[in-house]
Protein backbone atom coordinates (compact mmCIF):
# COMPACT_ATOMS: atom_id res chain seq x y z
CA MET A 1 -63.31 33.25 369.54
CA GLU A 2 -60.61 32.99 366.85
CA ASP A 3 -62.26 29.83 365.54
CA ALA A 4 -65.57 31.69 365.11
CA ILE A 5 -63.82 34.53 363.25
CA SER A 6 -62.07 32.02 361.01
CA GLN A 7 -65.38 30.33 360.22
CA ASP A 8 -67.01 33.69 359.40
CA THR A 9 -64.11 34.62 357.11
CA THR A 10 -64.32 31.28 355.34
CA MET A 11 -68.08 31.64 354.89
CA HIS A 12 -67.74 35.17 353.47
CA GLN A 13 -65.02 34.08 351.09
CA ARG A 14 -67.14 31.17 349.86
CA LEU A 15 -70.07 33.52 349.27
CA LEU A 16 -67.90 35.92 347.27
CA GLU A 17 -66.39 33.08 345.25
CA HIS A 18 -69.83 31.86 344.18
CA LEU A 19 -71.28 35.22 343.13
CA THR A 20 -71.93 35.77 339.45
CA THR A 21 -70.97 39.43 340.00
CA ALA A 22 -67.29 40.27 339.50
CA VAL A 23 -65.63 41.36 342.75
CA LEU A 24 -62.07 42.70 343.07
CA LEU A 25 -60.21 43.50 346.28
CA LEU A 26 -57.61 46.23 345.89
CA ASP A 27 -54.97 47.45 348.32
CA GLY A 28 -54.29 51.09 349.21
CA GLU A 29 -52.22 51.54 346.05
CA LEU A 30 -55.09 50.17 343.90
CA ARG A 31 -53.26 46.92 343.16
CA VAL A 32 -55.19 43.67 342.78
CA ARG A 33 -55.05 41.55 345.94
CA TRP A 34 -57.97 39.18 345.27
CA MET A 35 -60.70 38.56 342.71
CA ASN A 36 -63.51 36.09 342.55
CA PRO A 37 -63.99 33.62 339.66
CA ALA A 38 -66.60 35.91 338.04
CA ALA A 39 -63.98 38.68 337.82
CA GLU A 40 -61.44 36.23 336.42
CA ALA A 41 -63.95 35.19 333.74
CA LEU A 42 -64.96 38.77 332.91
CA LEU A 43 -61.36 39.99 332.61
CA ALA A 44 -60.09 36.72 331.09
CA VAL A 45 -57.19 36.50 333.56
CA SER A 46 -56.35 34.45 336.62
CA LEU A 47 -55.68 35.92 340.05
CA SER A 48 -52.25 34.28 340.12
CA ARG A 49 -51.35 36.14 336.91
CA VAL A 50 -52.50 39.61 338.00
CA HIS A 51 -51.96 39.56 341.77
CA GLY A 52 -50.16 42.79 342.70
CA ILE A 53 -50.75 44.48 339.33
CA SER A 54 -52.27 47.96 339.40
CA LEU A 55 -55.89 48.24 338.33
CA ASP A 56 -55.11 50.76 335.58
CA THR A 57 -52.58 48.32 334.08
CA LEU A 58 -55.12 45.50 334.28
CA LEU A 59 -57.78 47.63 332.58
CA GLY A 60 -55.47 48.95 329.89
CA GLY A 61 -54.45 52.31 331.33
CA ASP A 62 -57.89 53.61 332.32
CA GLU A 63 -56.78 56.36 334.69
CA SER A 64 -60.33 57.67 335.21
CA ILE A 65 -61.21 54.63 337.35
CA ASP A 66 -58.05 55.21 339.38
CA ASP A 67 -59.17 58.76 340.15
CA VAL A 68 -62.63 57.67 341.25
CA LEU A 69 -61.30 54.82 343.39
CA ALA A 70 -58.61 57.01 344.97
CA LYS A 71 -61.30 59.51 346.01
CA ALA A 72 -63.44 56.71 347.46
CA ARG A 73 -60.41 55.31 349.31
CA ASP A 74 -59.42 58.70 350.72
CA ALA A 75 -62.99 59.40 351.89
CA PHE A 76 -63.43 55.85 353.28
CA HIS A 77 -66.46 55.29 351.03
CA PRO A 78 -67.31 52.07 349.19
CA TYR A 79 -67.43 52.12 345.41
CA THR A 80 -69.71 50.14 343.13
CA GLN A 81 -69.90 50.43 339.37
CA ARG A 82 -73.01 48.82 337.95
CA GLU A 83 -72.01 48.90 334.29
CA ALA A 84 -68.62 49.46 332.75
CA ARG A 85 -67.01 49.24 329.36
CA ILE A 86 -63.84 47.26 329.40
CA THR A 87 -61.77 47.40 326.26
CA PRO A 88 -58.77 45.18 325.62
């Protein structure tokens, strides 16, 4: 059973790594825990450089995204943003 779960996890991670859409995984404190290569390319950073950094710090102090994500987290709802302006 554990082997099947491990294979599923590996398959899902491979799928996420090959998407052209940027995907970030945040913890409960909205700190970066994982990002796929598309996110690394979009944000011009590597996961090893930003792992554990808060999203607002990564995005240059954009507290509005923190508010939206905190509400989604507290309500146990997913959040997707189709288009966003990211300024350095």
